[in-house]
Amino acid sequence: MEPASTKVLRDEIADIDAQIIDLLATRMDITDELAKAKKASGQSAWDDDVEKRIVNRYNELCQEVNLTKEEADQIARLILSISKERQMRIYNE
């Protein structure tokens, strides 16, 4: 069997990228709602313990699909950084 062409592989990556962005946008919408709910109930904007649990969850999920701990940490930290910025913006409104 012949290997897939670079065009086919790039097209597959583009499709996956679109799905990733859609899922991230949904996650950020929920993050915004979470921030509003926390603000309304007087909770703090950010919880370091929750952040640690999220990073651990990413590590476990990435292990299941053969991504390294370093890759899992990078992914989690980037997503959490964006989430934190969005939540802080809502808290400061």
PDB file of N, CA and C in Angstrom:
ATOM      1  N   MET A   1       0.836  -1.188   0.000  1.00  0.00           N
ATOM      2  CA  MET A   1       0.000   0.000   0.000  1.00  0.00           C
ATOM      3  C   MET A   1       0.876   1.245   0.000  1.00  0.00           C
ATOM      4  N   GLU A   2       0.520   2.184  -0.859  1.00  0.00           N
ATOM      5  CA  GLU A   2       1.299   3.421  -0.976  1.00  0.00           C
ATOM      6  C   GLU A   2       0.987   4.372   0.169  1.00  0.00           C
ATOM      7  N   PRO A   3       2.007   5.106   0.648  1.00  0.00           N
ATOM      8  CA  PRO A   3       1.727   6.100   1.693  1.00  0.00           C
ATOM      9  C   PRO A   3       0.850   7.214   1.141  1.00  0.00           C
ATOM     10  N   ALA A   4       0.089   7.827   2.047  1.00  0.00           N
ATOM     11  CA  ALA A   4      -0.788   8.933   1.640  1.00  0.00           C
ATOM     12  C   ALA A   4       0.040  10.098   1.130  1.00  0.00           C
ATOM     13  N   SER A   5      -0.521  10.837   0.200  1.00  0.00           N
ATOM     14  CA  SER A   5       0.187  11.997  -0.333  1.00  0.00           C
ATOM     15  C   SER A   5       0.211  13.124   0.709  1.00  0.00           C
ATOM     16  N   THR A   6       1.157  14.022   0.539  1.00  0.00           N
ATOM     17  CA  THR A   6       1.243  15.141   1.486  1.00  0.00           C
ATOM     18  C   THR A   6      -0.017  16.002   1.420  1.00  0.00           C
ATOM     19  N   LYS A   7      -0.629  16.127   0.251  1.00  0.00           N
ATOM     20  CA  LYS A   7      -1.853  16.925   0.153  1.00  0.00           C
ATOM     21  C   LYS A   7      -2.971  16.295   0.964  1.00  0.00           C
ATOM     22  N   VAL A   8      -3.132  14.990   0.847  1.00  0.00           N
ATOM     23  CA  VAL A   8      -4.181  14.293   1.602  1.00  0.00           C
ATOM     24  C   VAL A   8      -3.932  14.455   3.097  1.00  0.00           C
ATOM     25  N   LEU A   9      -2.692  14.270   3.516  1.00  0.00           N
ATOM     26  CA  LEU A   9      -2.361  14.407   4.936  1.00  0.00           C
ATOM     27  C   LEU A   9      -2.585  15.830   5.426  1.00  0.00           C
ATOM     28  N   ARG A  10      -2.208  16.814   4.620  1.00  0.00           N
ATOM     29  CA  ARG A  10      -2.422  18.218   5.012  1.00  0.00           C
ATOM     30  C   ARG A  10      -3.910  18.538   5.088  1.00  0.00           C
ATOM     31  N   ASP A  11      -4.696  17.977   4.184  1.00  0.00           N
ATOM     32  CA  ASP A  11      -6.146  18.180   4.226  1.00  0.00           C
ATOM     33  C   ASP A  11      -6.743  17.569   5.492  1.00  0.00           C
ATOM     34  N   GLU A  12      -6.261  16.394   5.876  1.00  0.00           N
ATOM     35  CA  GLU A  12      -6.726  15.770   7.111  1.00  0.00           C
ATOM     36  C   GLU A  12      -6.371  16.631   8.322  1.00  0.00           C
ATOM     37  N   ILE A  13      -5.160  17.174   8.337  1.00  0.00           N
ATOM     38  CA  ILE A  13      -4.738  18.056   9.431  1.00  0.00           C
ATOM     39  C   ILE A  13      -5.612  19.296   9.486  1.00  0.00           C
ATOM     40  N   ALA A  14      -5.919  19.875   8.328  1.00  0.00           N
ATOM     41  CA  ALA A  14      -6.773  21.066   8.284  1.00  0.00           C
ATOM     42  C   ALA A  14      -8.159  20.768   8.850  1.00  0.00           C
ATOM     43  N   ASP A  15      -8.702  19.605   8.524  1.00  0.00           N
ATOM     44  CA  ASP A  15     -10.013  19.218   9.064  1.00  0.00           C
ATOM     45  C   ASP A  15      -9.957  19.065  10.583  1.00  0.00           C
ATOM     46  N   ILE A  16      -8.915  18.428  11.068  1.00  0.00           N
ATOM     47  CA  ILE A  16      -8.754  18.249  12.514  1.00  0.00           C
ATOM     48  C   ILE A  16      -8.569  19.597  13.197  1.00  0.00           C
ATOM     49  N   ASP A  17      -7.776  20.488  12.594  1.00  0.00           N
ATOM     50  CA  ASP A  17      -7.584  21.821  13.167  1.00  0.00           C
ATOM     51  C   ASP A  17      -8.911  22.557  13.322  1.00  0.00           C
ATOM     52  N   ALA A  18      -9.776  22.439  12.325  1.00  0.00           N
ATOM     53  CA  ALA A  18     -11.091  23.089  12.403  1.00  0.00           C
ATOM     54  C   ALA A  18     -11.899  22.524  13.564  1.00  0.00           C
ATOM     55  N   GLN A  19     -11.832  21.211  13.762  1.00  0.00           N
ATOM     56  CA  GLN A  19     -12.544  20.587  14.881  1.00  0.00           C
ATOM     57  C   GLN A  19     -11.974  21.050  16.218  1.00  0.00           C
ATOM     58  N   ILE A  20     -10.648  21.140  16.297  1.00  0.00           N
ATOM     59  CA  ILE A  20      -9.998  21.598  17.532  1.00  0.00           C
ATOM     60  C   ILE A  20     -10.454  23.009  17.871  1.00  0.00           C
ATOM     61  N   ILE A  21     -10.457  23.899  16.886  1.00  0.00           N
ATOM     62  CA  ILE A  21     -10.865  25.285  17.122  1.00  0.00           C
ATOM     63  C   ILE A  21     -12.321  25.350  17.564  1.00  0.00           C
ATOM     64  N   ASP A  22     -13.187  24.564  16.932  1.00  0.00           N
ATOM     65  CA  ASP A  22     -14.596  24.532  17.342  1.00  0.00           C
ATOM     66  C   ASP A  22     -14.731  24.090  18.793  1.00  0.00           C
ATOM     67  N   LEU A  23     -13.994  23.056  19.174  1.00  0.00           N
ATOM     68  CA  LEU A  23     -14.057  22.556  20.552  1.00  0.00           C
ATOM     69  C   LEU A  23     -13.467  23.562  21.535  1.00  0.00           C
ATOM     70  N   LEU A  24     -12.385  24.213  21.150  1.00  0.00           N
ATOM     71  CA  LEU A  24     -11.794  25.231  22.031  1.00  0.00           C
ATOM     72  C   LEU A  24     -12.744  26.415  22.207  1.00  0.00           C
ATOM     73  N   ALA A  25     -13.406  26.807  21.136  1.00  0.00           N
ATOM     74  CA  ALA A  25     -14.365  27.915  21.237  1.00  0.00           C
ATOM     75  C   ALA A  25     -15.503  27.538  22.191  1.00  0.00           C
ATOM     76  N   THR A  26     -15.985  26.311  22.098  1.00  0.00           N
ATOM     77  CA  THR A  26     -17.027  25.843  23.010  1.00  0.00           C
ATOM     78  C   THR A  26     -16.514  25.842  24.444  1.00  0.00           C
ATOM     79  N   ARG A  27     -15.280  25.369  24.633  1.00  0.00           N
ATOM     80  CA  ARG A  27     -14.697  25.339  25.980  1.00  0.00           C
ATOM     81  C   ARG A  27     -14.586  26.757  26.540  1.00  0.00           C
ATOM     82  N   MET A  28     -14.196  27.714  25.716  1.00  0.00           N
ATOM     83  CA  MET A  28     -14.048  29.089  26.186  1.00  0.00           C
ATOM     84  C   MET A  28     -15.402  29.712  26.505  1.00  0.00           C
ATOM     85  N   ASP A  29     -16.426  29.375  25.731  1.00  0.00           N
ATOM     86  CA  ASP A  29     -17.781  29.848  26.053  1.00  0.00           C
ATOM     87  C   ASP A  29     -18.198  29.351  27.436  1.00  0.00           C
ATOM     88  N   ILE A  30     -17.909  28.081  27.718  1.00  0.00           N
ATOM     89  CA  ILE A  30     -18.247  27.514  29.029  1.00  0.00           C
ATOM     90  C   ILE A  30     -17.389  28.156  30.108  1.00  0.00           C
ATOM     91  N   THR A  31     -16.136  28.421  29.806  1.00  0.00           N
ATOM     92  CA  THR A  31     -15.246  29.120  30.743  1.00  0.00           C
ATOM     93  C   THR A  31     -15.831  30.481  31.118  1.00  0.00           C
ATOM     94  N   ASP A  32     -16.337  31.193  30.117  1.00  0.00           N
ATOM     95  CA  ASP A  32     -16.951  32.507  30.375  1.00  0.00           C
ATOM     96  C   ASP A  32     -18.156  32.365  31.308  1.00  0.00           C
ATOM     97  N   GLU A  33     -18.992  31.374  31.043  1.00  0.00           N
ATOM     98  CA  GLU A  33     -20.167  31.150  31.894  1.00  0.00           C
ATOM     99  C   GLU A  33     -19.749  30.769  33.310  1.00  0.00           C
ATOM    100  N   LEU A  34     -18.707  29.960  33.427  1.00  0.00           N
ATOM    101  CA  LEU A  34     -18.188  29.580  34.737  1.00  0.00           C
ATOM    102  C   LEU A  34     -17.705  30.810  35.495  1.00  0.00           C
ATOM    103  N   ALA A  35     -16.996  31.681  34.805  1.00  0.00           N
ATOM    104  CA  ALA A  35     -16.499  32.900  35.452  1.00  0.00           C
ATOM    105  C   ALA A  35     -17.650  33.766  35.942  1.00  0.00           C
ATOM    106  N   LYS A  36     -18.696  33.897  35.134  1.00  0.00           N
ATOM    107  CA  LYS A  36     -19.861  34.691  35.536  1.00  0.00           C
ATOM    108  C   LYS A  36     -20.539  34.074  36.761  1.00  0.00           C
ATOM    109  N   ALA A  37     -20.647  32.738  36.764  1.00  0.00           N
ATOM    110  CA  ALA A  37     -21.273  32.053  37.901  1.00  0.00           C
ATOM    111  C   ALA A  37     -20.427  32.205  39.157  1.00  0.00           C
ATOM    112  N   LYS A  38     -19.116  32.088  39.022  1.00  0.00           N
ATOM    113  CA  LYS A  38     -18.232  32.245  40.182  1.00  0.00           C
ATOM    114  C   LYS A  38     -18.290  33.677  40.709  1.00  0.00           C
ATOM    115  N   LYS A  39     -18.291  34.634  39.804  1.00  0.00           N
ATOM    116  CA  LYS A  39     -18.355  36.036  40.217  1.00  0.00           C
ATOM    117  C   LYS A  39     -19.665  36.313  40.953  1.00  0.00           C
ATOM    118  N   ALA A  40     -20.771  35.811  40.402  1.00  0.00           N
ATOM    119  CA  ALA A  40     -22.089  36.034  41.011  1.00  0.00           C
ATOM    120  C   ALA A  40     -22.194  35.400  42.398  1.00  0.00           C
ATOM    121  N   SER A  41     -21.492  34.293  42.608  1.00  0.00           N
ATOM    122  CA  SER A  41     -21.577  33.605  43.898  1.00  0.00           C
ATOM    123  C   SER A  41     -20.462  34.016  44.856  1.00  0.00           C
ATOM    124  N   GLY A  42     -19.622  34.963  44.423  1.00  0.00           N
ATOM    125  CA  GLY A  42     -18.572  35.464  45.300  1.00  0.00           C
ATOM    126  C   GLY A  42     -17.345  34.573  45.401  1.00  0.00           C
ATOM    127  N   GLN A  43     -17.242  33.593  44.530  1.00  0.00           N
ATOM    128  CA  GLN A  43     -16.052  32.738  44.531  1.00  0.00           C
ATOM    129  C   GLN A  43     -14.875  33.479  43.911  1.00  0.00           C
ATOM    130  N   SER A  44     -13.674  33.016  44.230  1.00  0.00           N
ATOM    131  CA  SER A  44     -12.491  33.635  43.633  1.00  0.00           C
ATOM    132  C   SER A  44     -12.417  33.287  42.149  1.00  0.00           C
ATOM    133  N   ALA A  45     -11.715  34.120  41.419  1.00  0.00           N
ATOM    134  CA  ALA A  45     -11.626  33.949  39.970  1.00  0.00           C
ATOM    135  C   ALA A  45     -10.870  32.690  39.587  1.00  0.00           C
ATOM    136  N   TRP A  46      -9.875  32.324  40.389  1.00  0.00           N
ATOM    137  CA  TRP A  46      -9.031  31.199  39.995  1.00  0.00           C
ATOM    138  C   TRP A  46      -8.701  30.351  41.199  1.00  0.00           C
ATOM    139  N   ASP A  47      -8.670  29.055  40.998  1.00  0.00           N
ATOM    140  CA  ASP A  47      -8.389  28.106  42.065  1.00  0.00           C
ATOM    141  C   ASP A  47      -7.195  27.247  41.640  1.00  0.00           C
ATOM    142  N   ASP A  48      -6.081  27.400  42.337  1.00  0.00           N
ATOM    143  CA  ASP A  48      -4.867  26.663  41.978  1.00  0.00           C
ATOM    144  C   ASP A  48      -5.049  25.153  42.095  1.00  0.00           C
ATOM    145  N   ASP A  49      -5.847  24.705  43.061  1.00  0.00           N
ATOM    146  CA  ASP A  49      -6.091  23.266  43.208  1.00  0.00           C
ATOM    147  C   ASP A  49      -6.846  22.705  42.002  1.00  0.00           C
ATOM    148  N   VAL A  50      -7.818  23.460  41.529  1.00  0.00           N
ATOM    149  CA  VAL A  50      -8.557  23.034  40.338  1.00  0.00           C
ATOM    150  C   VAL A  50      -7.612  23.000  39.142  1.00  0.00           C
ATOM    151  N   GLU A  51      -6.753  24.004  39.035  1.00  0.00           N
ATOM    152  CA  GLU A  51      -5.789  24.036  37.935  1.00  0.00           C
ATOM    153  C   GLU A  51      -4.899  22.787  37.959  1.00  0.00           C
ATOM    154  N   LYS A  52      -4.437  22.397  39.129  1.00  0.00           N
ATOM    155  CA  LYS A  52      -3.609  21.192  39.245  1.00  0.00           C
ATOM    156  C   LYS A  52      -4.376  19.951  38.801  1.00  0.00           C
ATOM    157  N   ARG A  53      -5.649  19.875  39.184  1.00  0.00           N
ATOM    158  CA  ARG A  53      -6.459  18.721  38.773  1.00  0.00           C
ATOM    159  C   ARG A  53      -6.645  18.692  37.251  1.00  0.00           C
ATOM    160  N   ILE A  54      -6.795  19.855  36.645  1.00  0.00           N
ATOM    161  CA  ILE A  54      -6.953  19.919  35.191  1.00  0.00           C
ATOM    162  C   ILE A  54      -5.670  19.467  34.504  1.00  0.00           C
ATOM    163  N   VAL A  55      -4.525  19.936  34.994  1.00  0.00           N
ATOM    164  CA  VAL A  55      -3.241  19.518  34.415  1.00  0.00           C
ATOM    165  C   VAL A  55      -3.075  18.008  34.556  1.00  0.00           C
ATOM    166  N   ASN A  56      -3.428  17.471  35.707  1.00  0.00           N
ATOM    167  CA  ASN A  56      -3.356  16.018  35.901  1.00  0.00           C
ATOM    168  C   ASN A  56      -4.279  15.283  34.935  1.00  0.00           C
ATOM    169  N   ARG A  57      -5.484  15.835  34.733  1.00  0.00           N
ATOM    170  CA  ARG A  57      -6.428  15.214  33.794  1.00  0.00           C
ATOM    171  C   ARG A  57      -5.837  15.191  32.389  1.00  0.00           C
ATOM    172  N   TYR A  58      -5.203  16.295  31.985  1.00  0.00           N
ATOM    173  CA  TYR A  58      -4.577  16.334  30.663  1.00  0.00           C
ATOM    174  C   TYR A  58      -3.449  15.306  30.568  1.00  0.00           C
ATOM    175  N   ASN A  59      -2.683  15.168  31.636  1.00  0.00           N
ATOM    176  CA  ASN A  59      -1.615  14.171  31.634  1.00  0.00           C
ATOM    177  C   ASN A  59      -2.179  12.772  31.445  1.00  0.00           C
ATOM    178  N   GLU A  60      -3.246  12.450  32.157  1.00  0.00           N
ATOM    179  CA  GLU A  60      -3.859  11.129  32.033  1.00  0.00           C
ATOM    180  C   GLU A  60      -4.434  10.915  30.634  1.00  0.00           C
ATOM    181  N   LEU A  61      -5.139  11.918  30.117  1.00  0.00           N
ATOM    182  CA  LEU A  61      -5.721  11.793  28.781  1.00  0.00           C
ATOM    183  C   LEU A  61      -4.643  11.637  27.713  1.00  0.00           C
ATOM    184  N   CYS A  62      -3.562  12.385  27.857  1.00  0.00           N
ATOM    185  CA  CYS A  62      -2.496  12.314  26.865  1.00  0.00           C
ATOM    186  C   CYS A  62      -1.749  10.991  26.926  1.00  0.00           C
ATOM    187  N   GLN A  63      -1.623  10.414  28.120  1.00  0.00           N
ATOM    188  CA  GLN A  63      -0.997   9.100  28.240  1.00  0.00           C
ATOM    189  C   GLN A  63      -1.768   8.056  27.450  1.00  0.00           C
ATOM    190  N   GLU A  64      -3.091   8.179  27.463  1.00  0.00           N
ATOM    191  CA  GLU A  64      -3.946   7.216  26.774  1.00  0.00           C
ATOM    192  C   GLU A  64      -3.745   7.238  25.260  1.00  0.00           C
ATOM    193  N   VAL A  65      -3.245   8.363  24.732  1.00  0.00           N
ATOM    194  CA  VAL A  65      -3.070   8.482  23.278  1.00  0.00           C
ATOM    195  C   VAL A  65      -1.604   8.672  22.896  1.00  0.00           C
ATOM    196  N   ASN A  66      -0.722   8.288  23.792  1.00  0.00           N
ATOM    197  CA  ASN A  66       0.721   8.300  23.542  1.00  0.00           C
ATOM    198  C   ASN A  66       1.311   9.685  23.291  1.00  0.00           C
ATOM    199  N   LEU A  67       0.772  10.706  23.952  1.00  0.00           N
ATOM    200  CA  LEU A  67       1.425  12.006  23.976  1.00  0.00           C
ATOM    201  C   LEU A  67       2.246  12.065  25.262  1.00  0.00           C
ATOM    202  N   THR A  68       3.355  12.765  25.228  1.00  0.00           N
ATOM    203  CA  THR A  68       4.236  12.805  26.388  1.00  0.00           C
ATOM    204  C   THR A  68       3.684  13.713  27.479  1.00  0.00           C
ATOM    205  N   LYS A  69       4.227  13.556  28.668  1.00  0.00           N
ATOM    206  CA  LYS A  69       3.861  14.420  29.794  1.00  0.00           C
ATOM    207  C   LYS A  69       4.178  15.870  29.453  1.00  0.00           C
ATOM    208  N   GLU A  70       5.303  16.102  28.800  1.00  0.00           N
ATOM    209  CA  GLU A  70       5.682  17.461  28.420  1.00  0.00           C
ATOM    210  C   GLU A  70       4.670  18.056  27.438  1.00  0.00           C
ATOM    211  N   GLU A  71       4.227  17.254  26.488  1.00  0.00           N
ATOM    212  CA  GLU A  71       3.220  17.730  25.538  1.00  0.00           C
ATOM    213  C   GLU A  71       1.893  18.001  26.253  1.00  0.00           C
ATOM    214  N   ALA A  72       1.529  17.119  27.156  1.00  0.00           N
ATOM    215  CA  ALA A  72       0.296  17.309  27.934  1.00  0.00           C
ATOM    216  C   ALA A  72       0.371  18.591  28.746  1.00  0.00           C
ATOM    217  N   ASP A  73       1.516  18.829  29.389  1.00  0.00           N
ATOM    218  CA  ASP A  73       1.690  20.052  30.178  1.00  0.00           C
ATOM    219  C   ASP A  73       1.593  21.291  29.301  1.00  0.00           C
ATOM    220  N   GLN A  74       2.203  21.261  28.126  1.00  0.00           N
ATOM    221  CA  GLN A  74       2.146  22.405  27.217  1.00  0.00           C
ATOM    222  C   GLN A  74       0.709  22.703  26.798  1.00  0.00           C
ATOM    223  N   ILE A  75      -0.014  21.650  26.428  1.00  0.00           N
ATOM    224  CA  ILE A  75      -1.401  21.821  25.995  1.00  0.00           C
ATOM    225  C   ILE A  75      -2.242  22.385  27.142  1.00  0.00           C
ATOM    226  N   ALA A  76      -2.122  21.778  28.308  1.00  0.00           N
ATOM    227  CA  ALA A  76      -2.912  22.220  29.457  1.00  0.00           C
ATOM    228  C   ALA A  76      -2.578  23.656  29.832  1.00  0.00           C
ATOM    229  N   ARG A  77      -1.313  23.983  29.907  1.00  0.00           N
ATOM    230  CA  ARG A  77      -0.902  25.335  30.315  1.00  0.00           C
ATOM    231  C   ARG A  77      -1.395  26.387  29.334  1.00  0.00           C
ATOM    232  N   LEU A  78      -1.348  26.096  28.045  1.00  0.00           N
ATOM    233  CA  LEU A  78      -1.819  27.060  27.047  1.00  0.00           C
ATOM    234  C   LEU A  78      -3.324  27.294  27.194  1.00  0.00           C
ATOM    235  N   ILE A  79      -4.077  26.210  27.284  1.00  0.00           N
ATOM    236  CA  ILE A  79      -5.531  26.340  27.410  1.00  0.00           C
ATOM    237  C   ILE A  79      -5.895  27.035  28.723  1.00  0.00           C
ATOM    238  N   LEU A  80      -5.217  26.669  29.795  1.00  0.00           N
ATOM    239  CA  LEU A  80      -5.499  27.303  31.089  1.00  0.00           C
ATOM    240  C   LEU A  80      -5.110  28.778  31.088  1.00  0.00           C
ATOM    241  N   SER A  81      -4.045  29.124  30.413  1.00  0.00           N
ATOM    242  CA  SER A  81      -3.637  30.528  30.328  1.00  0.00           C
ATOM    243  C   SER A  81      -4.713  31.366  29.636  1.00  0.00           C
ATOM    244  N   ILE A  82      -5.234  30.862  28.533  1.00  0.00           N
ATOM    245  CA  ILE A  82      -6.302  31.572  27.821  1.00  0.00           C
ATOM    246  C   ILE A  82      -7.551  31.655  28.699  1.00  0.00           C
ATOM    247  N   SER A  83      -7.893  30.546  29.348  1.00  0.00           N
ATOM    248  CA  SER A  83      -9.061  30.528  30.226  1.00  0.00           C
ATOM    249  C   SER A  83      -8.920  31.534  31.357  1.00  0.00           C
ATOM    250  N   LYS A  84      -7.743  31.572  31.951  1.00  0.00           N
ATOM    251  CA  LYS A  84      -7.505  32.486  33.072  1.00  0.00           C
ATOM    252  C   LYS A  84      -7.646  33.938  32.620  1.00  0.00           C
ATOM    253  N   GLU A  85      -7.084  34.276  31.463  1.00  0.00           N
ATOM    254  CA  GLU A  85      -7.196  35.640  30.939  1.00  0.00           C
ATOM    255  C   GLU A  85      -8.663  36.015  30.731  1.00  0.00           C
ATOM    256  N   ARG A  86      -9.431  35.108  30.150  1.00  0.00           N
ATOM    257  CA  ARG A  86     -10.846  35.383  29.896  1.00  0.00           C
ATOM    258  C   ARG A  86     -11.608  35.562  31.210  1.00  0.00           C
ATOM    259  N   GLN A  87     -11.346  34.688  32.177  1.00  0.00           N
ATOM    260  CA  GLN A  87     -12.042  34.792  33.457  1.00  0.00           C
ATOM    261  C   GLN A  87     -11.671  36.087  34.172  1.00  0.00           C
ATOM    262  N   MET A  88     -10.423  36.474  34.130  1.00  0.00           N
ATOM    263  CA  MET A  88     -10.009  37.720  34.788  1.00  0.00           C
ATOM    264  C   MET A  88     -10.676  38.926  34.120  1.00  0.00           C
ATOM    265  N   ARG A  89     -10.832  38.882  32.817  1.00  0.00           N
ATOM    266  CA  ARG A  89     -11.516  39.977  32.119  1.00  0.00           C
ATOM    267  C   ARG A  89     -12.948  40.098  32.611  1.00  0.00           C
ATOM    268  N   ILE A  90     -13.612  38.964  32.757  1.00  0.00           N
ATOM    269  CA  ILE A  90     -15.005  38.975  33.239  1.00  0.00           C
ATOM    270  C   ILE A  90     -15.061  39.490  34.673  1.00  0.00           C
ATOM    271  N   TYR A  91     -14.120  39.088  35.500  1.00  0.00           N
ATOM    272  CA  TYR A  91     -14.100  39.545  36.901  1.00  0.00           C
ATOM    273  C   TYR A  91     -13.848  41.040  37.002  1.00  0.00           C
ATOM    274  N   ASN A  92     -13.115  41.589  36.057  1.00  0.00           N
ATOM    275  CA  ASN A  92     -12.773  43.009  36.106  1.00  0.00           C
ATOM    276  C   ASN A  92     -13.789  43.897  35.402  1.00  0.00           C
ATOM    277  N   GLU A  93     -14.830  43.322  34.849  1.00  0.00           N
ATOM    278  CA  GLU A  93     -15.866  44.130  34.176  1.00  0.00           C
ATOM    279  C   GLU A  93     -16.711  44.861  35.190  1.00  0.00           C
TER     280      GLU A  93
END
